[in-house]
C-alpha atoms as a PDB file:
ATOM      1  CA  MET A   1     -53.530 -52.383  35.314  1.00  0.00           C
ATOM      2  CA  ASN A   2     -52.489 -55.208  32.971  1.00  0.00           C
ATOM      3  CA  LYS A   3     -56.083 -55.548  31.814  1.00  0.00           C
ATOM      4  CA  PHE A   4     -56.183 -51.858  30.932  1.00  0.00           C
ATOM      5  CA  PHE A   5     -52.834 -52.090  29.155  1.00  0.00           C
ATOM      6  CA  ASN A   6     -54.081 -55.009  27.069  1.00  0.00           C
ATOM      7  CA  ARG A   7     -57.130 -52.974  26.061  1.00  0.00           C
ATOM      8  CA  LEU A   8     -54.867 -50.147  24.906  1.00  0.00           C
ATOM      9  CA  VAL A   9     -52.707 -52.458  22.821  1.00  0.00           C
ATOM     10  CA  LYS A  10     -55.835 -53.944  21.235  1.00  0.00           C
ATOM     11  CA  GLY A  11     -56.467 -50.549  19.601  1.00  0.00           C
ATOM     12  CA  ILE A  12     -53.596 -51.169  17.132  1.00  0.00           C
ATOM     13  CA  THR A  13     -54.932 -51.263  13.541  1.00  0.00           C
ATOM     14  CA  PHE A  14     -53.558 -51.539  10.026  1.00  0.00           C
ATOM     15  CA  SER A  15     -54.312 -49.847   6.716  1.00  0.00           C
ATOM     16  CA  PHE A  16     -53.153 -50.853   3.215  1.00  0.00           C
ATOM     17  CA  LEU A  17     -52.912 -48.750  -0.017  1.00  0.00           C
ATOM     18  CA  ILE A  18     -54.895 -50.192  -2.933  1.00  0.00           C
ATOM     19  CA  VAL A  19     -56.166 -49.198  -6.386  1.00  0.00           C
ATOM     20  CA  LEU A  20     -59.899 -49.472  -6.754  1.00  0.00           C
ATOM     21  CA  VAL A  21     -61.311 -50.248 -10.209  1.00  0.00           C
ATOM     22  CA  GLY A  22     -64.717 -51.802 -10.769  1.00  0.00           C
ATOM     23  CA  SER A  23     -65.389 -55.253 -12.103  1.00  0.00           C
ATOM     24  CA  SER A  24     -68.597 -57.076 -12.976  1.00  0.00           C
ATOM     25  CA  ALA A  25     -69.905 -60.592 -12.813  1.00  0.00           C
ATOM     26  CA  CYS A  26     -73.208 -62.362 -13.105  1.00  0.00           C
ATOM     27  CA  VAL A  27     -74.494 -64.342 -10.134  1.00  0.00           C
ATOM     28  CA  THR A  28     -77.646 -66.243  -9.295  1.00  0.00           C
ATOM     29  CA  GLN A  29     -80.342 -64.732  -7.098  1.00  0.00           C
ATOM     30  CA  LYS A  30     -79.379 -67.159  -4.309  1.00  0.00           C
ATOM     31  CA  LYS A  31     -75.727 -66.142  -4.517  1.00  0.00           C
ATOM     32  CA  TYR A  32     -76.714 -62.491  -4.600  1.00  0.00           C
ATOM     33  CA  ASN A  33     -78.794 -62.923  -1.428  1.00  0.00           C
ATOM     34  CA  GLU A  34     -75.897 -64.655   0.290  1.00  0.00           C
ATOM     35  CA  LEU A  35     -73.488 -61.899  -0.673  1.00  0.00           C
ATOM     36  CA  LEU A  36     -75.959 -59.249   0.458  1.00  0.00           C
ATOM     37  CA  THR A  37     -76.330 -60.982   3.830  1.00  0.00           C
ATOM     38  CA  GLN A  38     -72.552 -61.157   4.163  1.00  0.00           C
ATOM     39  CA  LYS A  39     -72.255 -57.495   3.322  1.00  0.00           C
ATOM     40  CA  VAL A  40     -74.800 -56.489   5.993  1.00  0.00           C
ATOM     41  CA  LYS A  41     -73.020 -58.685   8.557  1.00  0.00           C
ATOM     42  CA  LEU A  42     -69.651 -57.185   7.649  1.00  0.00           C
ATOM     43  CA  GLU A  43     -71.018 -53.682   8.002  1.00  0.00           C
ATOM     44  CA  GLY A  44     -72.443 -54.574  11.421  1.00  0.00           C
ATOM     45  CA  ASP A  45     -69.138 -56.086  12.500  1.00  0.00           C
ATOM     46  CA  LEU A  46     -67.320 -52.980  11.250  1.00  0.00           C
ATOM     47  CA  ALA A  47     -69.578 -50.688  13.274  1.00  0.00           C
ATOM     48  CA  GLU A  48     -69.085 -52.818  16.388  1.00  0.00           C
ATOM     49  CA  ARG A  49     -65.295 -52.894  15.991  1.00  0.00           C
ATOM     50  CA  GLY A  50     -65.310 -49.161  15.278  1.00  0.00           C
ATOM     51  CA  ASP A  51     -67.143 -48.507  18.582  1.00  0.00           C
ATOM     52  CA  SER A  52     -64.625 -50.704  20.406  1.00  0.00           C
ATOM     53  CA  LEU A  53     -61.707 -48.863  18.765  1.00  0.00           C
ATOM     54  CA  GLU A  54     -63.219 -45.499  19.655  1.00  0.00           C
ATOM     55  CA  GLN A  55     -63.732 -46.608  23.279  1.00  0.00           C
ATOM     56  CA  SER A  56     -60.091 -47.727  23.519  1.00  0.00           C
ATOM     57  CA  SER A  57     -58.929 -44.353  22.107  1.00  0.00           C
ATOM     58  CA  LEU A  58     -61.117 -42.503  24.662  1.00  0.00           C
ATOM     59  CA  GLU A  59     -59.688 -44.589  27.489  1.00  0.00           C
ATOM     60  CA  LEU A  60     -56.143 -43.840  26.316  1.00  0.00           C
ATOM     61  CA  GLU A  61     -56.996 -40.135  26.151  1.00  0.00           C
ATOM     62  CA  HIS A  62     -58.476 -40.341  29.676  1.00  0.00           C
ATOM     63  CA  VAL A  63     -55.265 -41.940  30.975  1.00  0.00           C
ATOM     64  CA  GLY A  64     -53.270 -39.104  29.395  1.00  0.00           C
ATOM     65  CA  ILE A  65     -55.518 -36.503  31.090  1.00  0.00           C
ATOM     66  CA  GLN A  66     -55.170 -38.279  34.448  1.00  0.00           C
ATOM     67  CA  LEU A  67     -51.401 -38.366  34.058  1.00  0.00           C
ATOM     68  CA  SER A  68     -51.294 -34.647  33.229  1.00  0.00           C
ATOM     69  CA  ARG A  69     -53.441 -33.786  36.264  1.00  0.00           C
ATOM     70  CA  LEU A  70     -51.401 -35.970  38.593  1.00  0.00           C
ATOM     71  CA  LYS A  71     -48.174 -34.369  37.392  1.00  0.00           C
ATOM     72  CA  SER A  72     -49.658 -30.900  37.997  1.00  0.00           C
ATOM     73  CA  ASP A  73     -50.893 -31.881  41.474  1.00  0.00           C
ATOM     74  CA  THR A  74     -47.546 -33.491  42.267  1.00  0.00           C
ATOM     75  CA  ALA A  75     -45.696 -30.315  41.302  1.00  0.00           C
ATOM     76  CA  SER A  76     -48.014 -28.243  43.552  1.00  0.00           C
ATOM     77  CA  LEU A  77     -47.568 -30.635  46.467  1.00  0.00           C
ATOM     78  CA  GLY A  78     -43.825 -30.612  45.985  1.00  0.00           C
ATOM     79  CA  GLN A  79     -43.810 -26.802  46.117  1.00  0.00           C
ATOM     80  CA  ALA A  80     -46.005 -26.806  49.254  1.00  0.00           C
ATOM     81  CA  TYR A  81     -43.718 -29.366  50.890  1.00  0.00           C
ATOM     82  CA  ARG A  82     -40.606 -27.335  50.112  1.00  0.00           C
ATOM     83  CA  GLU A  83     -42.198 -24.151  51.472  1.00  0.00           C
ATOM     84  CA  GLY A  84     -43.321 -25.983  54.623  1.00  0.00           C
ATOM     85  CA  GLN A  85     -39.871 -27.469  55.118  1.00  0.00           C
ATOM     86  CA  SER A  86     -38.312 -24.011  54.734  1.00  0.00           C
ATOM     87  CA  LYS A  87     -40.708 -22.618  57.340  1.00  0.00           C
ATOM     88  CA  TYR A  88     -39.942 -25.539  59.648  1.00  0.00           C
ATOM     89  CA  ASN A  89     -36.181 -24.932  59.354  1.00  0.00           C
ATOM     90  CA  LYS A  90     -36.626 -21.223  60.028  1.00  0.00           C
ATOM     91  CA  LEU A  91     -38.830 -21.826  63.075  1.00  0.00           C
ATOM     92  CA  SER A  92     -36.419 -24.459  64.383  1.00  0.00           C
ATOM     93  CA  SER A  93     -33.537 -21.989  64.156  1.00  0.00           C
ATOM     94  CA  GLU A  94     -35.544 -19.266  65.922  1.00  0.00           C
ATOM     95  CA  TYR A  95     -36.631 -21.731  68.585  1.00  0.00           C
ATOM     96  CA  LYS A  96     -33.049 -22.693  69.341  1.00  0.00           C
ATOM     97  CA  GLU A  97     -32.064 -19.022  69.499  1.00  0.00           C
ATOM     98  CA  LEU A  98     -34.904 -18.153  71.903  1.00  0.00           C
ATOM     99  CA  ASP A  99     -34.252 -21.230  74.004  1.00  0.00           C
ATOM    100  CA  GLY A 100     -30.654 -20.124  74.467  1.00  0.00           C
ATOM    101  CA  TYR A 101     -31.778 -16.616  75.293  1.00  0.00           C
ATOM    102  CA  TYR A 102     -34.306 -17.932  77.791  1.00  0.00           C
ATOM    103  CA  ASN A 103     -31.697 -20.064  79.541  1.00  0.00           C
ATOM    104  CA  ASN A 104     -29.402 -17.031  79.790  1.00  0.00           C
ATOM    105  CA  LEU A 105     -32.213 -15.011  81.347  1.00  0.00           C
ATOM    106  CA  LEU A 106     -32.670 -17.668  84.032  1.00  0.00           C
ATOM    107  CA  ASN A 107     -29.130 -16.924  85.196  1.00  0.00           C
ATOM    108  CA  ASN A 108     -29.691 -13.167  85.443  1.00  0.00           C
ATOM    109  CA  SER A 109     -31.158 -11.151  88.297  1.00  0.00           C
ATOM    110  CA  GLY A 110     -34.850 -11.025  89.278  1.00  0.00           C
ATOM    111  CA  LYS A 111     -35.333  -7.704  87.446  1.00  0.00           C
ATOM    112  CA  LEU A 112     -35.433  -9.682  84.228  1.00  0.00           C
ATOM    113  CA  SER A 113     -38.283 -11.951  85.364  1.00  0.00           C
ATOM    114  CA  ARG A 114     -40.953 -10.032  83.387  1.00  0.00           C
ATOM    115  CA  ASP A 115     -38.915 -10.251  80.203  1.00  0.00           C
ATOM    116  CA  MET A 116     -38.325 -13.928  80.894  1.00  0.00           C
ATOM    117  CA  GLU A 117     -42.070 -14.537  81.213  1.00  0.00           C
ATOM    118  CA  GLU A 118     -42.726 -12.875  77.888  1.00  0.00           C
ATOM    119  CA  GLN A 119     -39.965 -14.824  76.193  1.00  0.00           C
ATOM    120  CA  ARG A 120     -41.269 -18.048  77.708  1.00  0.00           C
ATOM    121  CA  ASP A 121     -44.742 -17.374  76.335  1.00  0.00           C
ATOM    122  CA  ARG A 122     -43.253 -16.695  72.910  1.00  0.00           C
ATOM    123  CA  LEU A 123     -41.168 -19.829  73.162  1.00  0.00           C
ATOM    124  CA  VAL A 124     -44.211 -21.992  74.021  1.00  0.00           C
ATOM    125  CA  ALA A 125     -46.249 -20.484  71.179  1.00  0.00           C
ATOM    126  CA  MET A 126     -43.404 -20.981  68.738  1.00  0.00           C
ATOM    127  CA  ARG A 127     -42.928 -24.564  69.894  1.00  0.00           C
ATOM    128  CA  ASP A 128     -46.607 -25.266  69.278  1.00  0.00           C
ATOM    129  CA  ASP A 129     -46.358 -23.663  65.836  1.00  0.00           C
ATOM    130  CA  LEU A 130     -43.255 -25.700  65.109  1.00  0.00           C
ATOM    131  CA  GLU A 131     -45.026 -28.970  66.037  1.00  0.00           C
ATOM    132  CA  ASP A 132     -48.072 -28.044  63.941  1.00  0.00           C
ATOM    133  CA  THR A 133     -45.855 -27.271  60.941  1.00  0.00           C
ATOM    134  CA  ARG A 134     -44.027 -30.568  61.361  1.00  0.00           C
ATOM    135  CA  LYS A 135     -47.295 -32.541  61.331  1.00  0.00           C
ATOM    136  CA  LYS A 136     -48.539 -30.687  58.253  1.00  0.00           C
ATOM    137  CA  ASN A 137     -45.262 -31.381  56.452  1.00  0.00           C
ATOM    138  CA  GLU A 138     -45.529 -35.081  57.275  1.00  0.00           C
ATOM    139  CA  THR A 139     -49.036 -35.154  55.778  1.00  0.00           C
ATOM    140  CA  LEU A 140     -47.888 -33.264  52.698  1.00  0.00           C
ATOM    141  CA  LEU A 141     -44.935 -35.603  52.252  1.00  0.00           C
ATOM    142  CA  ALA A 142     -47.150 -38.720  52.478  1.00  0.00           C
ATOM    143  CA  ASP A 143     -49.603 -37.274  49.933  1.00  0.00           C
ATOM    144  CA  LEU A 144     -46.748 -36.280  47.645  1.00  0.00           C
ATOM    145  CA  GLN A 145     -45.246 -39.775  47.762  1.00  0.00           C
ATOM    146  CA  GLU A 146     -48.635 -41.378  46.994  1.00  0.00           C
ATOM    147  CA  ARG A 147     -49.205 -39.121  43.983  1.00  0.00           C
ATOM    148  CA  GLU A 148     -45.696 -39.724  42.712  1.00  0.00           C
ATOM    149  CA  LYS A 149     -46.433 -43.455  42.915  1.00  0.00           C
ATOM    150  CA  LYS A 150     -49.610 -43.038  40.840  1.00  0.00           C
ATOM    151  CA  VAL A 151     -47.760 -40.926  38.271  1.00  0.00           C
ATOM    152  CA  GLN A 152     -45.088 -43.610  37.969  1.00  0.00           C
ATOM    153  CA  GLU A 153     -47.726 -46.322  37.522  1.00  0.00           C
ATOM    154  CA  LEU A 154     -49.397 -44.416  34.686  1.00  0.00           C
ATOM    155  CA  GLU A 155     -46.052 -43.647  33.050  1.00  0.00           C
ATOM    156  CA  ASP A 156     -45.160 -47.348  33.259  1.00  0.00           C
ATOM    157  CA  ILE A 157     -48.453 -48.274  31.539  1.00  0.00           C
ATOM    158  CA  LEU A 158     -47.799 -45.831  28.696  1.00  0.00           C
ATOM    159  CA  ALA A 159     -44.165 -46.897  28.419  1.00  0.00           C
ATOM    160  CA  ARG A 160     -45.093 -50.578  28.117  1.00  0.00           C
ATOM    161  CA  LYS A 161     -47.716 -49.744  25.511  1.00  0.00           C
ATOM    162  CA  ASP A 162     -45.232 -47.683  23.474  1.00  0.00           C
ATOM    163  CA  GLU A 163     -42.679 -50.477  23.792  1.00  0.00           C
ATOM    164  CA  ALA A 164     -45.196 -53.023  22.495  1.00  0.00           C
ATOM    165  CA  VAL A 165     -46.170 -50.786  19.554  1.00  0.00           C
ATOM    166  CA  ASN A 166     -42.543 -50.144  18.575  1.00  0.00           C
ATOM    167  CA  LYS A 167     -41.712 -53.843  18.867  1.00  0.00           C
ATOM    168  CA  LEU A 168     -44.650 -54.713  16.605  1.00  0.00           C
ATOM    169  CA  LYS A 169     -43.551 -52.094  14.054  1.00  0.00           C
ATOM    170  CA  LYS A 170     -40.013 -53.503  14.097  1.00  0.00           C
ATOM    171  CA  ASN A 171     -41.248 -57.072  13.603  1.00  0.00           C
ATOM    172  CA  ILE A 172     -43.446 -56.043  10.681  1.00  0.00           C
ATOM    173  CA  SER A 173     -40.702 -53.937   9.076  1.00  0.00           C
ATOM    174  CA  ASN A 174     -38.228 -56.814   9.359  1.00  0.00           C
ATOM    175  CA  ALA A 175     -40.748 -59.223   7.828  1.00  0.00           C
ATOM    176  CA  LEU A 176     -41.203 -56.952   4.803  1.00  0.00           C
ATOM    177  CA  LEU A 177     -37.586 -55.914   4.207  1.00  0.00           C
ATOM    178  CA  ASN A 178     -37.404 -57.586   0.801  1.00  0.00           C
ATOM    179  CA  PHE A 179     -40.054 -55.276  -0.693  1.00  0.00           C
ATOM    180  CA  LYS A 180     -39.363 -51.873  -2.191  1.00  0.00           C
ATOM    181  CA  GLU A 181     -40.038 -48.772  -0.156  1.00  0.00           C
ATOM    182  CA  SER A 182     -42.230 -47.514  -2.991  1.00  0.00           C
ATOM    183  CA  ASP A 183     -44.431 -50.614  -2.678  1.00  0.00           C
ATOM    184  CA  LEU A 184     -45.159 -50.395   1.058  1.00  0.00           C
ATOM    185  CA  THR A 185     -44.623 -48.311   4.189  1.00  0.00           C
ATOM    186  CA  VAL A 186     -44.829 -49.107   7.911  1.00  0.00           C
ATOM    187  CA  SER A 187     -45.483 -46.275  10.369  1.00  0.00           C
ATOM    188  CA  VAL A 188     -46.771 -45.548  13.892  1.00  0.00           C
ATOM    189  CA  LYS A 189     -49.480 -42.969  14.597  1.00  0.00           C
ATOM    190  CA  ASN A 190     -51.589 -42.416  17.736  1.00  0.00           C
ATOM    191  CA  GLY A 191     -50.446 -45.676  19.305  1.00  0.00           C
ATOM    192  CA  LYS A 192     -51.258 -47.785  16.238  1.00  0.00           C
ATOM    193  CA  VAL A 193     -49.124 -49.425  13.555  1.00  0.00           C
ATOM    194  CA  TYR A 194     -50.149 -48.703   9.952  1.00  0.00           C
ATOM    195  CA  VAL A 195     -49.015 -50.872   7.027  1.00  0.00           C
ATOM    196  CA  SER A 196     -49.713 -49.336   3.605  1.00  0.00           C
ATOM    197  CA  LEU A 197     -49.353 -51.452   0.456  1.00  0.00           C
ATOM    198  CA  ALA A 198     -49.158 -49.698  -2.897  1.00  0.00           C
ATOM    199  CA  GLU A 199     -51.806 -50.513  -5.525  1.00  0.00           C
ATOM    200  CA  GLN A 200     -49.315 -52.139  -7.896  1.00  0.00           C
ATOM    201  CA  LEU A 201     -48.410 -54.615  -5.169  1.00  0.00           C
ATOM    202  CA  LEU A 202     -51.965 -55.834  -4.574  1.00  0.00           C
ATOM    203  CA  PHE A 203     -54.470 -55.740  -7.430  1.00  0.00           C
ATOM    204  CA  ASN A 204     -54.639 -55.703 -11.172  1.00  0.00           C
ATOM    205  CA  SER A 205     -56.942 -53.197 -12.785  1.00  0.00           C
ATOM    206  CA  GLY A 206     -60.583 -54.149 -12.401  1.00  0.00           C
ATOM    207  CA  SER A 207     -59.894 -57.063 -10.035  1.00  0.00           C
ATOM    208  CA  ILE A 208     -60.642 -57.798  -6.401  1.00  0.00           C
ATOM    209  CA  GLN A 209     -58.187 -60.705  -6.408  1.00  0.00           C
ATOM    210  CA  VAL A 210     -54.782 -60.025  -4.833  1.00  0.00           C
ATOM    211  CA  ASP A 211     -51.990 -60.786  -7.312  1.00  0.00           C
ATOM    212  CA  PRO A 212     -49.159 -63.229  -6.385  1.00  0.00           C
ATOM    213  CA  LYS A 213     -46.694 -60.504  -5.378  1.00  0.00           C
ATOM    214  CA  GLY A 214     -49.261 -58.964  -3.047  1.00  0.00           C
ATOM    215  CA  GLN A 215     -50.128 -62.360  -1.605  1.00  0.00           C
ATOM    216  CA  ALA A 216     -46.470 -62.935  -0.777  1.00  0.00           C
ATOM    217  CA  ALA A 217     -46.301 -59.634   1.105  1.00  0.00           C
ATOM    218  CA  LEU A 218     -49.494 -60.391   3.034  1.00  0.00           C
ATOM    219  CA  LYS A 219     -48.294 -63.868   3.995  1.00  0.00           C
ATOM    220  CA  GLN A 220     -45.036 -62.414   5.331  1.00  0.00           C
ATOM    221  CA  LEU A 221     -47.063 -59.843   7.254  1.00  0.00           C
ATOM    222  CA  ALA A 222     -49.262 -62.605   8.702  1.00  0.00           C
ATOM    223  CA  THR A 223     -46.161 -64.471   9.867  1.00  0.00           C
ATOM    224  CA  ALA A 224     -45.068 -61.396  11.846  1.00  0.00           C
ATOM    225  CA  ILE A 225     -48.408 -60.899  13.649  1.00  0.00           C
ATOM    226  CA  LYS A 226     -50.196 -64.253  13.859  1.00  0.00           C
ATOM    227  CA  ASP A 227     -48.623 -65.211  17.206  1.00  0.00           C
ATOM    228  CA  GLN A 228     -49.708 -61.996  18.943  1.00  0.00           C
ATOM    229  CA  PRO A 229     -53.240 -62.550  20.287  1.00  0.00           C
ATOM    230  CA  ASP A 230     -53.344 -59.178  22.048  1.00  0.00           C
ATOM    231  CA  ILE A 231     -53.549 -57.100  18.877  1.00  0.00           C
ATOM    232  CA  GLY A 232     -56.596 -56.193  16.791  1.00  0.00           C
ATOM    233  CA  ILE A 233     -56.362 -55.768  13.015  1.00  0.00           C
ATOM    234  CA  MET A 234     -58.531 -53.435  10.916  1.00  0.00           C
ATOM    235  CA  VAL A 235     -58.275 -53.856   7.126  1.00  0.00           C
ATOM    236  CA  GLU A 236     -59.895 -50.746   5.668  1.00  0.00           C
ATOM    237  CA  GLY A 237     -60.436 -50.102   1.957  1.00  0.00           C
ATOM    238  CA  HIS A 238     -60.380 -46.655   0.312  1.00  0.00           C
ATOM    239  CA  THR A 239     -60.905 -45.422  -3.259  1.00  0.00           C
ATOM    240  CA  ASP A 240     -60.523 -42.257  -5.279  1.00  0.00           C
ATOM    241  CA  ASN A 241     -63.627 -40.356  -6.429  1.00  0.00           C
ATOM    242  CA  VAL A 242     -63.773 -41.902  -9.904  1.00  0.00           C
ATOM    243  CA  PRO A 243     -66.895 -44.121 -10.187  1.00  0.00           C
ATOM    244  CA  ILE A 244     -66.323 -47.792 -10.986  1.00  0.00           C
ATOM    245  CA  GLY A 245     -66.398 -48.569 -14.698  1.00  0.00           C
ATOM    246  CA  ARG A 246     -69.035 -51.284 -14.557  1.00  0.00           C
ATOM    247  CA  THR A 247     -71.593 -52.236 -11.929  1.00  0.00           C
ATOM    248  CA  SER A 248     -73.087 -55.586 -11.073  1.00  0.00           C
ATOM    249  CA  GLN A 249     -75.521 -57.124  -8.648  1.00  0.00           C
ATOM    250  CA  TYR A 250     -72.838 -57.392  -5.992  1.00  0.00           C
ATOM    251  CA  MET A 251     -70.790 -54.273  -6.760  1.00  0.00           C
ATOM    252  CA  SER A 252     -72.668 -51.060  -7.401  1.00  0.00           C
ATOM    253  CA  ASP A 253     -70.200 -48.352  -6.323  1.00  0.00           C
ATOM    254  CA  ASN A 254     -66.867 -47.539  -4.678  1.00  0.00           C
ATOM    255  CA  TRP A 255     -68.239 -48.492  -1.243  1.00  0.00           C
ATOM    256  CA  ASP A 256     -68.706 -52.080  -2.406  1.00  0.00           C
ATOM    257  CA  LEU A 257     -65.350 -52.186  -4.150  1.00  0.00           C
ATOM    258  CA  SER A 258     -63.461 -50.914  -1.076  1.00  0.00           C
ATOM    259  CA  VAL A 259     -65.123 -53.492   1.190  1.00  0.00           C
ATOM    260  CA  MET A 260     -64.608 -56.435  -1.200  1.00  0.00           C
ATOM    261  CA  ARG A 261     -60.926 -55.699  -1.663  1.00  0.00           C
ATOM    262  CA  ALA A 262     -60.464 -55.407   2.119  1.00  0.00           C
ATOM    263  CA  THR A 263     -62.224 -58.762   2.478  1.00  0.00           C
ATOM    264  CA  SER A 264     -59.885 -60.358  -0.077  1.00  0.00           C
ATOM    265  CA  ILE A 265     -56.904 -59.268   2.019  1.00  0.00           C
ATOM    266  CA  VAL A 266     -58.508 -60.515   5.247  1.00  0.00           C
ATOM    267  CA  ARG A 267     -58.967 -63.993   3.755  1.00  0.00           C
ATOM    268  CA  ILE A 268     -55.280 -64.183   2.847  1.00  0.00           C
ATOM    269  CA  LEU A 269     -54.239 -63.151   6.368  1.00  0.00           C
ATOM    270  CA  ILE A 270     -56.557 -65.726   7.949  1.00  0.00           C
ATOM    271  CA  ASN A 271     -55.394 -68.483   5.611  1.00  0.00           C
ATOM    272  CA  ALA A 272     -51.823 -67.602   6.587  1.00  0.00           C
ATOM    273  CA  GLY A 273     -52.547 -68.178  10.287  1.00  0.00           C
ATOM    274  CA  VAL A 274     -54.067 -64.965  11.696  1.00  0.00           C
ATOM    275  CA  THR A 275     -56.967 -65.668  14.088  1.00  0.00           C
ATOM    276  CA  PRO A 276     -60.277 -64.617  12.451  1.00  0.00           C
ATOM    277  CA  SER A 277     -61.590 -63.000  15.630  1.00  0.00           C
ATOM    278  CA  GLN A 278     -58.666 -60.537  15.536  1.00  0.00           C
ATOM    279  CA  VAL A 279     -59.512 -59.195  12.081  1.00  0.00           C
ATOM    280  CA  THR A 280     -62.145 -56.748  10.850  1.00  0.00           C
ATOM    281  CA  ALA A 281     -62.693 -55.850   7.184  1.00  0.00           C
ATOM    282  CA  GLY A 282     -64.338 -52.593   6.135  1.00  0.00           C
ATOM    283  CA  GLY A 283     -64.428 -49.944   3.451  1.00  0.00           C
ATOM    284  CA  LYS A 284     -64.855 -46.165   3.327  1.00  0.00           C
ATOM    285  CA  GLY A 285     -65.063 -45.728  -0.427  1.00  0.00           C
ATOM    286  CA  GLU A 286     -63.899 -42.314  -1.609  1.00  0.00           C
ATOM    287  CA  PHE A 287     -64.820 -40.360   1.508  1.00  0.00           C
ATOM    288  CA  THR A 288     -61.561 -40.361   3.479  1.00  0.00           C
ATOM    289  CA  PRO A 289     -58.926 -39.153   0.971  1.00  0.00           C
ATOM    290  CA  VAL A 290     -55.307 -38.501   1.926  1.00  0.00           C
ATOM    291  CA  SER A 291     -54.601 -36.419  -1.168  1.00  0.00           C
ATOM    292  CA  SER A 292     -56.384 -34.355  -3.796  1.00  0.00           C
ATOM    293  CA  ASN A 293     -58.371 -36.191  -6.462  1.00  0.00           C
ATOM    294  CA  ASP A 294     -57.619 -33.466  -9.011  1.00  0.00           C
ATOM    295  CA  ASP A 295     -54.688 -35.315 -10.611  1.00  0.00           C
ATOM    296  CA  ALA A 296     -53.550 -38.879 -11.250  1.00  0.00           C
ATOM    297  CA  ALA A 297     -50.843 -38.808  -8.567  1.00  0.00           C
ATOM    298  CA  GLY A 298     -53.322 -37.757  -5.897  1.00  0.00           C
ATOM    299  CA  ARG A 299     -55.919 -40.308  -6.955  1.00  0.00           C
ATOM    300  CA  SER A 300     -53.276 -43.040  -6.834  1.00  0.00           C
ATOM    301  CA  LYS A 301     -52.512 -42.187  -3.177  1.00  0.00           C
ATOM    302  CA  ASN A 302     -56.212 -42.289  -2.305  1.00  0.00           C
ATOM    303  CA  ARG A 303     -56.630 -45.795  -3.713  1.00  0.00           C
ATOM    304  CA  ARG A 304     -55.360 -47.729  -0.723  1.00  0.00           C
ATOM    305  CA  THR A 305     -56.135 -50.385   1.853  1.00  0.00           C
END
């Protein structure tokens, strides 16, 4: 159970808002080849981490389905148990009534012997039915208790996961209290904590280097999460749909720009103490917008990490 819980918690990822503007530089062929190799490796790592994240989400969804089914079965068993118990009580009352009647008949004259025989047969049949109902109720009760135990176990798993997510969100929010709300947000969605940093907090126009104010925020964030080995961190770059102003050998479009800015942030987190194996850097370019690209305000929201 703990192993499964840990796998759920590892699905927690982060996303930061950024502004994406192209920049250019000249590099040697050797440097270009190295950067290209790094890019291919990063893309492979991103795909692998994405599969792992998707698997964790499917497992969480499966747990939710199991919990829903168990609750439904538990409700049905509870209803069956209550109906059986009601029948048992009714039969027990009738049995006592017939038993008293039978005993009274024993004290009467012989002319009542036929009636007594009939009542005795009914009494025996009812007693057998009563015993059968009792055994069925005991089985139903045992099954009901077992299912209630499983439901409680699953609810405990989900509760601990939610508690861990909320605690992580609180720690991150406390670490970033000295920044303006307009510069960053911390939220929880689908069992994951998302940290969004505004573009003006991270990059200057046309740069993939995080400015000092953004570095300070990232270092404070690293302090809040570096001692939590159970979490996984996804740094994912996004752009608007405006093409980069200038291309180069190592940056040809918004895909490249989104990945390189995510990588810049990852390096700061690692240098501040976050374990490298916990972090994945990736980019989605302009293809996952959160707002319309028809105006400047919308494009600004789409430029994020």
